[in-house]
């Protein structure tokens, strides 16, 4: 298998729009549009402040990084956003372990 075959396809975010509380419709360089509800991952030092709708609403597209960024320094790899359904459960579990170890969900 060649190294190019083994590599993942990387994607960039090309645009977004607000469609609900903490929910964005995100557009990608391959034409995919995905509705992403960020509320389940909004805890920890960079993401918890984004539970404030006004702060969450300050999201912007960083064209150099090809992804969404917030004033808190929070961002998410654009390829993870592209393949969100494949990653969201692992992201939630990791954040729970890291930032809420006493959470009964983990017991």
PDB file of N, CA and C in Angstrom:
ATOM      1  N   UNK A   1       0.852  -1.182   0.000  1.00  0.00           N
ATOM      2  CA  UNK A   1       0.000   0.000   0.000  1.00  0.00           C
ATOM      3  C   UNK A   1       0.895   1.240   0.000  1.00  0.00           C
ATOM      4  N   UNK A   2       0.660   2.154  -0.876  1.00  0.00           N
ATOM      5  CA  UNK A   2       1.462   3.373  -0.925  1.00  0.00           C
ATOM      6  C   UNK A   2       1.096   4.279   0.232  1.00  0.00           C
ATOM      7  N   UNK A   3       2.023   5.175   0.577  1.00  0.00           N
ATOM      8  CA  UNK A   3       1.759   6.070   1.703  1.00  0.00           C
ATOM      9  C   UNK A   3       0.579   6.987   1.428  1.00  0.00           C
ATOM     10  N   UNK A   4       0.364   7.369   0.158  1.00  0.00           N
ATOM     11  CA  UNK A   4      -0.772   8.237  -0.141  1.00  0.00           C
ATOM     12  C   UNK A   4      -2.097   7.508   0.031  1.00  0.00           C
ATOM     13  N   UNK A   5      -2.108   6.192  -0.200  1.00  0.00           N
ATOM     14  CA  UNK A   5      -3.329   5.415  -0.005  1.00  0.00           C
ATOM     15  C   UNK A   5      -3.644   5.288   1.479  1.00  0.00           C
ATOM     16  N   UNK A   6      -2.604   5.189   2.308  1.00  0.00           N
ATOM     17  CA  UNK A   6      -2.808   4.992   3.743  1.00  0.00           C
ATOM     18  C   UNK A   6      -3.190   6.281   4.451  1.00  0.00           C
ATOM     19  N   UNK A   7      -2.962   7.419   3.834  1.00  0.00           N
ATOM     20  CA  UNK A   7      -3.251   8.688   4.477  1.00  0.00           C
ATOM     21  C   UNK A   7      -4.735   9.007   4.436  1.00  0.00           C
ATOM     22  N   UNK A   8      -5.207   9.682   5.462  1.00  0.00           N
ATOM     23  CA  UNK A   8      -6.590  10.131   5.499  1.00  0.00           C
ATOM     24  C   UNK A   8      -6.751  11.348   4.603  1.00  0.00           C
ATOM     25  N   UNK A   9      -7.959  11.518   4.108  1.00  0.00           N
ATOM     26  CA  UNK A   9      -8.269  12.729   3.355  1.00  0.00           C
ATOM     27  C   UNK A   9      -8.529  13.843   4.364  1.00  0.00           C
ATOM     28  N   UNK A  10      -7.876  14.970   4.179  1.00  0.00           N
ATOM     29  CA  UNK A  10      -8.065  16.107   5.068  1.00  0.00           C
ATOM     30  C   UNK A  10      -9.058  17.070   4.451  1.00  0.00           C
ATOM     31  N   UNK A  11      -9.826  17.717   5.296  1.00  0.00           N
ATOM     32  CA  UNK A  11     -10.855  18.640   4.825  1.00  0.00           C
ATOM     33  C   UNK A  11     -10.713  19.979   5.521  1.00  0.00           C
ATOM     34  N   UNK A  12     -11.218  21.011   4.865  1.00  0.00           N
ATOM     35  CA  UNK A  12     -11.289  22.345   5.440  1.00  0.00           C
ATOM     36  C   UNK A  12     -12.740  22.789   5.519  1.00  0.00           C
ATOM     37  N   UNK A  13     -13.041  23.580   6.527  1.00  0.00           N
ATOM     38  CA  UNK A  13     -14.342  24.234   6.635  1.00  0.00           C
ATOM     39  C   UNK A  13     -14.308  25.442   5.701  1.00  0.00           C
ATOM     40  N   UNK A  14     -15.380  25.600   4.916  1.00  0.00           N
ATOM     41  CA  UNK A  14     -15.450  26.740   3.997  1.00  0.00           C
ATOM     42  C   UNK A  14     -16.523  27.747   4.386  1.00  0.00           C
ATOM     43  N   UNK A  15     -17.406  27.381   5.312  1.00  0.00           N
ATOM     44  CA  UNK A  15     -18.446  28.297   5.745  1.00  0.00           C
ATOM     45  C   UNK A  15     -19.298  27.662   6.824  1.00  0.00           C
ATOM     46  N   UNK A  16     -20.152  28.476   7.424  1.00  0.00           N
ATOM     47  CA  UNK A  16     -21.065  27.970   8.453  1.00  0.00           C
ATOM     48  C   UNK A  16     -22.209  28.957   8.615  1.00  0.00           C
ATOM     49  N   UNK A  17     -23.280  28.469   9.237  1.00  0.00           N
ATOM     50  CA  UNK A  17     -24.390  29.333   9.619  1.00  0.00           C
ATOM     51  C   UNK A  17     -25.019  28.787  10.887  1.00  0.00           C
ATOM     52  N   UNK A  18     -25.606  29.687  11.665  1.00  0.00           N
ATOM     53  CA  UNK A  18     -26.300  29.308  12.892  1.00  0.00           C
ATOM     54  C   UNK A  18     -27.669  28.763  12.527  1.00  0.00           C
ATOM     55  N   UNK A  19     -28.035  27.616  13.124  1.00  0.00           N
ATOM     56  CA  UNK A  19     -29.375  27.070  12.870  1.00  0.00           C
ATOM     57  C   UNK A  19     -30.122  26.753  14.163  1.00  0.00           C
ATOM     58  N   UNK A  20     -29.510  26.961  15.308  1.00  0.00           N
ATOM     59  CA  UNK A  20     -30.163  26.716  16.589  1.00  0.00           C
ATOM     60  C   UNK A  20     -29.193  26.974  17.718  1.00  0.00           C
ATOM     61  N   UNK A  21     -29.665  26.769  18.952  1.00  0.00           N
ATOM     62  CA  UNK A  21     -28.784  26.941  20.112  1.00  0.00           C
ATOM     63  C   UNK A  21     -27.620  25.969  20.020  1.00  0.00           C
ATOM     64  N   UNK A  22     -26.425  26.485  19.876  1.00  0.00           N
ATOM     65  CA  UNK A  22     -25.195  25.702  19.820  1.00  0.00           C
ATOM     66  C   UNK A  22     -25.128  24.765  18.614  1.00  0.00           C
ATOM     67  N   UNK A  23     -25.983  24.978  17.638  1.00  0.00           N
ATOM     68  CA  UNK A  23     -26.008  24.135  16.434  1.00  0.00           C
ATOM     69  C   UNK A  23     -25.620  24.988  15.231  1.00  0.00           C
ATOM     70  N   UNK A  24     -24.648  24.477  14.490  1.00  0.00           N
ATOM     71  CA  UNK A  24     -24.196  25.152  13.282  1.00  0.00           C
ATOM     72  C   UNK A  24     -24.334  24.216  12.082  1.00  0.00           C
ATOM     73  N   UNK A  25     -24.656  24.783  10.947  1.00  0.00           N
ATOM     74  CA  UNK A  25     -24.543  24.054   9.684  1.00  0.00           C
ATOM     75  C   UNK A  25     -23.165  24.425   9.143  1.00  0.00           C
ATOM     76  N   UNK A  26     -22.327  23.424   8.982  1.00  0.00           N
ATOM     77  CA  UNK A  26     -20.941  23.632   8.579  1.00  0.00           C
ATOM     78  C   UNK A  26     -20.753  23.093   7.161  1.00  0.00           C
ATOM     79  N   UNK A  27     -20.114  23.908   6.318  1.00  0.00           N
ATOM     80  CA  UNK A  27     -19.826  23.519   4.934  1.00  0.00           C
ATOM     81  C   UNK A  27     -18.336  23.216   4.790  1.00  0.00           C
ATOM     82  N   UNK A  28     -18.039  22.222   3.947  1.00  0.00           N
ATOM     83  CA  UNK A  28     -16.673  21.755   3.765  1.00  0.00           C
ATOM     84  C   UNK A  28     -16.239  21.863   2.313  1.00  0.00           C
ATOM     85  N   UNK A  29     -14.936  21.762   2.119  1.00  0.00           N
ATOM     86  CA  UNK A  29     -14.345  21.943   0.794  1.00  0.00           C
ATOM     87  C   UNK A  29     -14.770  20.900  -0.232  1.00  0.00           C
ATOM     88  N   UNK A  30     -15.341  19.791   0.207  1.00  0.00           N
ATOM     89  CA  UNK A  30     -15.809  18.778  -0.743  1.00  0.00           C
ATOM     90  C   UNK A  30     -17.308  18.895  -1.019  1.00  0.00           C
ATOM     91  N   UNK A  31     -17.929  19.968  -0.515  1.00  0.00           N
ATOM     92  CA  UNK A  31     -19.352  20.197  -0.743  1.00  0.00           C
ATOM     93  C   UNK A  31     -20.268  19.652   0.340  1.00  0.00           C
ATOM     94  N   UNK A  32     -19.743  18.844   1.247  1.00  0.00           N
ATOM     95  CA  UNK A  32     -20.556  18.304   2.331  1.00  0.00           C
ATOM     96  C   UNK A  32     -21.036  19.430   3.232  1.00  0.00           C
ATOM     97  N   UNK A  33     -22.283  19.343   3.681  1.00  0.00           N
ATOM     98  CA  UNK A  33     -22.828  20.217   4.719  1.00  0.00           C
ATOM     99  C   UNK A  33     -23.279  19.325   5.862  1.00  0.00           C
ATOM    100  N   UNK A  34     -22.910  19.708   7.076  1.00  0.00           N
ATOM    101  CA  UNK A  34     -23.250  18.891   8.234  1.00  0.00           C
ATOM    102  C   UNK A  34     -23.782  19.792   9.337  1.00  0.00           C
ATOM    103  N   UNK A  35     -24.905  19.394   9.949  1.00  0.00           N
ATOM    104  CA  UNK A  35     -25.428  20.091  11.119  1.00  0.00           C
ATOM    105  C   UNK A  35     -24.762  19.495  12.346  1.00  0.00           C
ATOM    106  N   UNK A  36     -24.112  20.355  13.125  1.00  0.00           N
ATOM    107  CA  UNK A  36     -23.377  19.894  14.297  1.00  0.00           C
ATOM    108  C   UNK A  36     -23.912  20.601  15.537  1.00  0.00           C
ATOM    109  N   UNK A  37     -24.335  19.793  16.508  1.00  0.00           N
ATOM    110  CA  UNK A  37     -24.772  20.293  17.806  1.00  0.00           C
ATOM    111  C   UNK A  37     -23.572  20.218  18.741  1.00  0.00           C
ATOM    112  N   UNK A  38     -23.028  21.367  19.102  1.00  0.00           N
ATOM    113  CA  UNK A  38     -21.834  21.418  19.930  1.00  0.00           C
ATOM    114  C   UNK A  38     -22.134  21.321  21.423  1.00  0.00           C
ATOM    115  N   UNK A  39     -23.394  21.456  21.812  1.00  0.00           N
ATOM    116  CA  UNK A  39     -23.749  21.500  23.236  1.00  0.00           C
ATOM    117  C   UNK A  39     -23.172  20.331  24.033  1.00  0.00           C
ATOM    118  N   UNK A  40     -23.195  19.083  23.533  1.00  0.00           N
ATOM    119  CA  UNK A  40     -22.688  17.966  24.350  1.00  0.00           C
ATOM    120  C   UNK A  40     -21.195  18.027  24.673  1.00  0.00           C
ATOM    121  N   UNK A  41     -20.422  18.847  23.963  1.00  0.00           N
ATOM    122  CA  UNK A  41     -18.980  18.900  24.227  1.00  0.00           C
ATOM    123  C   UNK A  41     -18.555  20.195  24.927  1.00  0.00           C
ATOM    124  N   UNK A  42     -19.523  21.017  25.329  1.00  0.00           N
ATOM    125  CA  UNK A  42     -19.188  22.325  25.890  1.00  0.00           C
ATOM    126  C   UNK A  42     -18.893  22.247  27.379  1.00  0.00           C
ATOM    127  N   UNK A  43     -17.796  21.586  27.717  1.00  0.00           N
ATOM    128  CA  UNK A  43     -17.264  21.632  29.072  1.00  0.00           C
ATOM    129  C   UNK A  43     -15.754  21.509  28.991  1.00  0.00           C
ATOM    130  N   UNK A  44     -15.089  21.841  30.092  1.00  0.00           N
ATOM    131  CA  UNK A  44     -13.638  21.970  30.092  1.00  0.00           C
ATOM    132  C   UNK A  44     -13.267  23.443  29.962  1.00  0.00           C
ATOM    133  N   UNK A  45     -12.013  23.782  30.197  1.00  0.00           N
ATOM    134  CA  UNK A  45     -11.615  25.191  30.272  1.00  0.00           C
ATOM    135  C   UNK A  45     -11.807  26.004  28.993  1.00  0.00           C
ATOM    136  N   UNK A  46     -11.656  25.411  27.823  1.00  0.00           N
ATOM    137  CA  UNK A  46     -11.818  26.161  26.583  1.00  0.00           C
ATOM    138  C   UNK A  46     -13.246  26.172  26.071  1.00  0.00           C
ATOM    139  N   UNK A  47     -13.983  25.099  26.337  1.00  0.00           N
ATOM    140  CA  UNK A  47     -15.309  24.961  25.752  1.00  0.00           C
ATOM    141  C   UNK A  47     -16.448  25.327  26.696  1.00  0.00           C
ATOM    142  N   UNK A  48     -16.305  25.147  28.010  1.00  0.00           N
ATOM    143  CA  UNK A  48     -17.395  25.463  28.944  1.00  0.00           C
ATOM    144  C   UNK A  48     -17.862  26.907  28.845  1.00  0.00           C
ATOM    145  N   UNK A  49     -16.954  27.880  28.691  1.00  0.00           N
ATOM    146  CA  UNK A  49     -17.425  29.264  28.565  1.00  0.00           C
ATOM    147  C   UNK A  49     -18.346  29.483  27.359  1.00  0.00           C
ATOM    148  N   UNK A  50     -18.270  28.588  26.382  1.00  0.00           N
ATOM    149  CA  UNK A  50     -19.099  28.731  25.179  1.00  0.00           C
ATOM    150  C   UNK A  50     -20.561  28.381  25.431  1.00  0.00           C
ATOM    151  N   UNK A  51     -20.884  27.927  26.646  1.00  0.00           N
ATOM    152  CA  UNK A  51     -22.300  27.732  26.999  1.00  0.00           C
ATOM    153  C   UNK A  51     -23.028  29.064  27.075  1.00  0.00           C
ATOM    154  N   UNK A  52     -22.276  30.139  27.152  1.00  0.00           N
ATOM    155  CA  UNK A  52     -22.844  31.483  27.051  1.00  0.00           C
ATOM    156  C   UNK A  52     -23.142  31.711  25.564  1.00  0.00           C
ATOM    157  N   UNK A  53     -24.421  31.804  25.197  1.00  0.00           N
ATOM    158  CA  UNK A  53     -24.763  31.938  23.772  1.00  0.00           C
ATOM    159  C   UNK A  53     -24.082  33.113  23.079  1.00  0.00           C
ATOM    160  N   UNK A  54     -23.861  34.200  23.812  1.00  0.00           N
ATOM    161  CA  UNK A  54     -23.194  35.345  23.180  1.00  0.00           C
ATOM    162  C   UNK A  54     -21.743  35.018  22.836  1.00  0.00           C
ATOM    163  N   UNK A  55     -21.080  34.290  23.710  1.00  0.00           N
ATOM    164  CA  UNK A  55     -19.700  33.902  23.437  1.00  0.00           C
ATOM    165  C   UNK A  55     -19.651  32.841  22.331  1.00  0.00           C
ATOM    166  N   UNK A  56     -20.548  31.863  22.400  1.00  0.00           N
ATOM    167  CA  UNK A  56     -20.605  30.855  21.342  1.00  0.00           C
ATOM    168  C   UNK A  56     -20.830  31.532  19.986  1.00  0.00           C
ATOM    169  N   UNK A  57     -21.650  32.564  19.981  1.00  0.00           N
ATOM    170  CA  UNK A  57     -21.973  33.280  18.749  1.00  0.00           C
ATOM    171  C   UNK A  57     -20.815  34.051  18.155  1.00  0.00           C
ATOM    172  N   UNK A  58     -19.697  34.119  18.857  1.00  0.00           N
ATOM    173  CA  UNK A  58     -18.518  34.808  18.333  1.00  0.00           C
ATOM    174  C   UNK A  58     -17.612  33.881  17.526  1.00  0.00           C
ATOM    175  N   UNK A  59     -18.127  32.694  17.194  1.00  0.00           N
ATOM    176  CA  UNK A  59     -17.368  31.760  16.364  1.00  0.00           C
ATOM    177  C   UNK A  59     -17.024  32.427  15.033  1.00  0.00           C
ATOM    178  N   UNK A  60     -15.867  32.082  14.515  1.00  0.00           N
ATOM    179  CA  UNK A  60     -15.482  32.599  13.210  1.00  0.00           C
ATOM    180  C   UNK A  60     -14.727  31.515  12.444  1.00  0.00           C
ATOM    181  N   UNK A  61     -14.669  31.681  11.160  1.00  0.00           N
ATOM    182  CA  UNK A  61     -13.919  30.775  10.308  1.00  0.00           C
ATOM    183  C   UNK A  61     -12.501  31.309  10.166  1.00  0.00           C
ATOM    184  N   UNK A  62     -11.540  30.523  10.588  1.00  0.00           N
ATOM    185  CA  UNK A  62     -10.132  30.870  10.405  1.00  0.00           C
ATOM    186  C   UNK A  62      -9.693  30.212   9.094  1.00  0.00           C
ATOM    187  N   UNK A  63      -9.511  31.015   8.073  1.00  0.00           N
ATOM    188  CA  UNK A  63      -9.179  30.487   6.747  1.00  0.00           C
ATOM    189  C   UNK A  63      -7.794  29.853   6.717  1.00  0.00           C
ATOM    190  N   UNK A  64      -6.873  30.339   7.536  1.00  0.00           N
ATOM    191  CA  UNK A  64      -5.539  29.739   7.572  1.00  0.00           C
ATOM    192  C   UNK A  64      -5.573  28.331   8.152  1.00  0.00           C
ATOM    193  N   UNK A  65      -6.377  28.129   9.182  1.00  0.00           N
ATOM    194  CA  UNK A  65      -6.507  26.811   9.801  1.00  0.00           C
ATOM    195  C   UNK A  65      -7.548  25.944   9.118  1.00  0.00           C
ATOM    196  N   UNK A  66      -8.467  26.574   8.400  1.00  0.00           N
ATOM    197  CA  UNK A  66      -9.533  25.828   7.736  1.00  0.00           C
ATOM    198  C   UNK A  66     -10.560  25.280   8.695  1.00  0.00           C
ATOM    199  N   UNK A  67     -10.741  25.965   9.829  1.00  0.00           N
ATOM    200  CA  UNK A  67     -11.701  25.468  10.806  1.00  0.00           C
ATOM    201  C   UNK A  67     -12.353  26.617  11.570  1.00  0.00           C
ATOM    202  N   UNK A  68     -13.282  26.256  12.424  1.00  0.00           N
ATOM    203  CA  UNK A  68     -13.982  27.210  13.276  1.00  0.00           C
ATOM    204  C   UNK A  68     -13.160  27.465  14.526  1.00  0.00           C
ATOM    205  N   UNK A  69     -13.134  28.715  14.973  1.00  0.00           N
ATOM    206  CA  UNK A  69     -12.420  29.078  16.198  1.00  0.00           C
ATOM    207  C   UNK A  69     -13.296  30.023  17.017  1.00  0.00           C
ATOM    208  N   UNK A  70     -13.088  29.976  18.333  1.00  0.00           N
ATOM    209  CA  UNK A  70     -13.817  30.840  19.259  1.00  0.00           C
ATOM    210  C   UNK A  70     -12.819  31.689  20.029  1.00  0.00           C
ATOM    211  N   UNK A  71     -13.291  32.796  20.627  1.00  0.00           N
ATOM    212  CA  UNK A  71     -12.391  33.700  21.365  1.00  0.00           C
ATOM    213  C   UNK A  71     -11.694  33.041  22.559  1.00  0.00           C
ATOM    214  N   UNK A  72     -12.223  31.933  23.056  1.00  0.00           N
ATOM    215  CA  UNK A  72     -11.603  31.236  24.196  1.00  0.00           C
ATOM    216  C   UNK A  72     -10.348  30.474  23.786  1.00  0.00           C
ATOM    217  N   UNK A  73     -10.111  30.366  22.495  1.00  0.00           N
ATOM    218  CA  UNK A  73      -9.017  29.543  21.986  1.00  0.00           C
ATOM    219  C   UNK A  73      -9.490  28.170  21.551  1.00  0.00           C
ATOM    220  N   UNK A  74     -10.767  27.891  21.735  1.00  0.00           N
ATOM    221  CA  UNK A  74     -11.324  26.603  21.335  1.00  0.00           C
ATOM    222  C   UNK A  74     -11.380  26.500  19.814  1.00  0.00           C
ATOM    223  N   UNK A  75     -11.028  25.335  19.323  1.00  0.00           N
ATOM    224  CA  UNK A  75     -11.213  24.990  17.918  1.00  0.00           C
ATOM    225  C   UNK A  75     -11.271  23.472  17.821  1.00  0.00           C
ATOM    226  N   UNK A  76     -11.694  22.976  16.687  1.00  0.00           N
ATOM    227  CA  UNK A  76     -11.793  21.538  16.462  1.00  0.00           C
ATOM    228  C   UNK A  76     -11.221  21.260  15.086  1.00  0.00           C
ATOM    229  N   UNK A  77     -10.417  20.223  15.004  1.00  0.00           N
ATOM    230  CA  UNK A  77      -9.815  19.832  13.734  1.00  0.00           C
ATOM    231  C   UNK A  77     -10.910  19.757  12.663  1.00  0.00           C
ATOM    232  N   UNK A  78     -10.690  20.374  11.504  1.00  0.00           N
ATOM    233  CA  UNK A  78     -11.729  20.400  10.483  1.00  0.00           C
ATOM    234  C   UNK A  78     -12.109  19.019   9.957  1.00  0.00           C
ATOM    235  N   UNK A  79     -11.171  18.086   9.936  1.00  0.00           N
ATOM    236  CA  UNK A  79     -11.506  16.741   9.484  1.00  0.00           C
ATOM    237  C   UNK A  79     -12.376  16.028  10.506  1.00  0.00           C
ATOM    238  N   UNK A  80     -12.165  16.315  11.784  1.00  0.00           N
ATOM    239  CA  UNK A  80     -13.046  15.772  12.825  1.00  0.00           C
ATOM    240  C   UNK A  80     -14.455  16.342  12.645  1.00  0.00           C
ATOM    241  N   UNK A  81     -14.561  17.626  12.366  1.00  0.00           N
ATOM    242  CA  UNK A  81     -15.882  18.214  12.099  1.00  0.00           C
ATOM    243  C   UNK A  81     -16.528  17.558  10.882  1.00  0.00           C
ATOM    244  N   UNK A  82     -15.752  17.338   9.852  1.00  0.00           N
ATOM    245  CA  UNK A  82     -16.263  16.719   8.625  1.00  0.00           C
ATOM    246  C   UNK A  82     -16.850  15.345   8.923  1.00  0.00           C
ATOM    247  N   UNK A  83     -16.162  14.582   9.755  1.00  0.00           N
ATOM    248  CA  UNK A  83     -16.581  13.215  10.073  1.00  0.00           C
ATOM    249  C   UNK A  83     -17.189  13.137  11.470  1.00  0.00           C
ATOM    250  N   UNK A  84     -17.888  14.201  11.880  1.00  0.00           N
ATOM    251  CA  UNK A  84     -18.424  14.353  13.237  1.00  0.00           C
ATOM    252  C   UNK A  84     -19.117  13.109  13.787  1.00  0.00           C
ATOM    253  N   UNK A  85     -20.021  12.453  13.058  1.00  0.00           N
ATOM    254  CA  UNK A  85     -20.701  11.285  13.638  1.00  0.00           C
ATOM    255  C   UNK A  85     -19.731  10.173  14.048  1.00  0.00           C
ATOM    256  N   UNK A  86     -18.582  10.094  13.395  1.00  0.00           N
ATOM    257  CA  UNK A  86     -17.593   9.072  13.735  1.00  0.00           C
ATOM    258  C   UNK A  86     -16.786   9.427  14.977  1.00  0.00           C
ATOM    259  N   UNK A  87     -16.800  10.682  15.398  1.00  0.00           N
ATOM    260  CA  UNK A  87     -15.932  11.149  16.475  1.00  0.00           C
ATOM    261  C   UNK A  87     -16.644  11.669  17.717  1.00  0.00           C
ATOM    262  N   UNK A  88     -17.872  12.101  17.602  1.00  0.00           N
ATOM    263  CA  UNK A  88     -18.517  12.828  18.699  1.00  0.00           C
ATOM    264  C   UNK A  88     -18.596  12.014  19.984  1.00  0.00           C
ATOM    265  N   UNK A  89     -18.927  10.735  19.911  1.00  0.00           N
ATOM    266  CA  UNK A  89     -19.028   9.939  21.139  1.00  0.00           C
ATOM    267  C   UNK A  89     -17.684   9.832  21.847  1.00  0.00           C
ATOM    268  N   UNK A  90     -16.606   9.658  21.095  1.00  0.00           N
ATOM    269  CA  UNK A  90     -15.269   9.578  21.697  1.00  0.00           C
ATOM    270  C   UNK A  90     -14.865  10.919  22.295  1.00  0.00           C
ATOM    271  N   UNK A  91     -15.230  12.016  21.644  1.00  0.00           N
ATOM    272  CA  UNK A  91     -14.916  13.344  22.174  1.00  0.00           C
ATOM    273  C   UNK A  91     -15.632  13.557  23.500  1.00  0.00           C
ATOM    274  N   UNK A  92     -16.917  13.211  23.544  1.00  0.00           N
ATOM    275  CA  UNK A  92     -17.693  13.369  24.779  1.00  0.00           C
ATOM    276  C   UNK A  92     -17.090  12.511  25.887  1.00  0.00           C
ATOM    277  N   UNK A  93     -16.788  11.255  25.604  1.00  0.00           N
ATOM    278  CA  UNK A  93     -16.227  10.358  26.623  1.00  0.00           C
ATOM    279  C   UNK A  93     -14.893  10.875  27.144  1.00  0.00           C
ATOM    280  N   UNK A  94     -14.037  11.357  26.262  1.00  0.00           N
ATOM    281  CA  UNK A  94     -12.728  11.877  26.681  1.00  0.00           C
ATOM    282  C   UNK A  94     -12.894  13.118  27.548  1.00  0.00           C
ATOM    283  N   UNK A  95     -13.807  14.004  27.162  1.00  0.00           N
ATOM    284  CA  UNK A  95     -14.023  15.218  27.954  1.00  0.00           C
ATOM    285  C   UNK A  95     -14.611  14.882  29.319  1.00  0.00           C
ATOM    286  N   UNK A  96     -15.508  13.908  29.367  1.00  0.00           N
ATOM    287  CA  UNK A  96     -16.060  13.492  30.660  1.00  0.00           C
ATOM    288  C   UNK A  96     -14.961  12.947  31.563  1.00  0.00           C
ATOM    289  N   UNK A  97     -14.104  12.092  31.017  1.00  0.00           N
ATOM    290  CA  UNK A  97     -13.011  11.531  31.822  1.00  0.00           C
ATOM    291  C   UNK A  97     -12.068  12.622  32.312  1.00  0.00           C
ATOM    292  N   UNK A  98     -11.768  13.571  31.454  1.00  0.00           N
ATOM    293  CA  UNK A  98     -10.774  14.596  31.776  1.00  0.00           C
ATOM    294  C   UNK A  98     -11.321  15.666  32.712  1.00  0.00           C
ATOM    295  N   UNK A  99     -12.542  16.108  32.468  1.00  0.00           N
ATOM    296  CA  UNK A  99     -13.041  17.289  33.171  1.00  0.00           C
ATOM    297  C   UNK A  99     -14.154  17.006  34.166  1.00  0.00           C
ATOM    298  N   UNK A 100     -14.727  15.820  34.130  1.00  0.00           N
ATOM    299  CA  UNK A 100     -15.806  15.489  35.054  1.00  0.00           C
ATOM    300  C   UNK A 100     -15.651  14.050  35.550  1.00  0.00           C
ATOM    301  N   UNK A 101     -14.513  13.709  36.142  1.00  0.00           N
ATOM    302  CA  UNK A 101     -14.270  12.306  36.513  1.00  0.00           C
ATOM    303  C   UNK A 101     -15.263  11.745  37.529  1.00  0.00           C
ATOM    304  N   UNK A 102     -15.936  12.617  38.286  1.00  0.00           N
ATOM    305  CA  UNK A 102     -16.910  12.140  39.260  1.00  0.00           C
ATOM    306  C   UNK A 102     -18.281  11.917  38.643  1.00  0.00           C
ATOM    307  N   UNK A 103     -18.397  12.119  37.342  1.00  0.00           N
ATOM    308  CA  UNK A 103     -19.692  12.025  36.654  1.00  0.00           C
ATOM    309  C   UNK A 103     -20.247  10.601  36.767  1.00  0.00           C
ATOM    310  N   UNK A 104     -21.525  10.454  37.180  1.00  0.00           N
ATOM    311  CA  UNK A 104     -22.123   9.128  37.339  1.00  0.00           C
ATOM    312  C   UNK A 104     -22.214   8.354  36.014  1.00  0.00           C
ATOM    313  N   UNK A 105     -22.167   9.022  34.891  1.00  0.00           N
ATOM    314  CA  UNK A 105     -22.216   8.328  33.596  1.00  0.00           C
ATOM    315  C   UNK A 105     -21.028   7.400  33.467  1.00  0.00           C
ATOM    316  N   UNK A 106     -19.902   7.755  34.099  1.00  0.00           N
ATOM    317  CA  UNK A 106     -18.680   6.975  33.985  1.00  0.00           C
ATOM    318  C   UNK A 106     -18.597   5.861  35.018  1.00  0.00           C
ATOM    319  N   UNK A 107     -19.499   5.850  35.984  1.00  0.00           N
ATOM    320  CA  UNK A 107     -19.436   4.838  37.056  1.00  0.00           C
ATOM    321  C   UNK A 107     -19.843   3.486  36.540  1.00  0.00           C
TER     322      UNK A 107
END
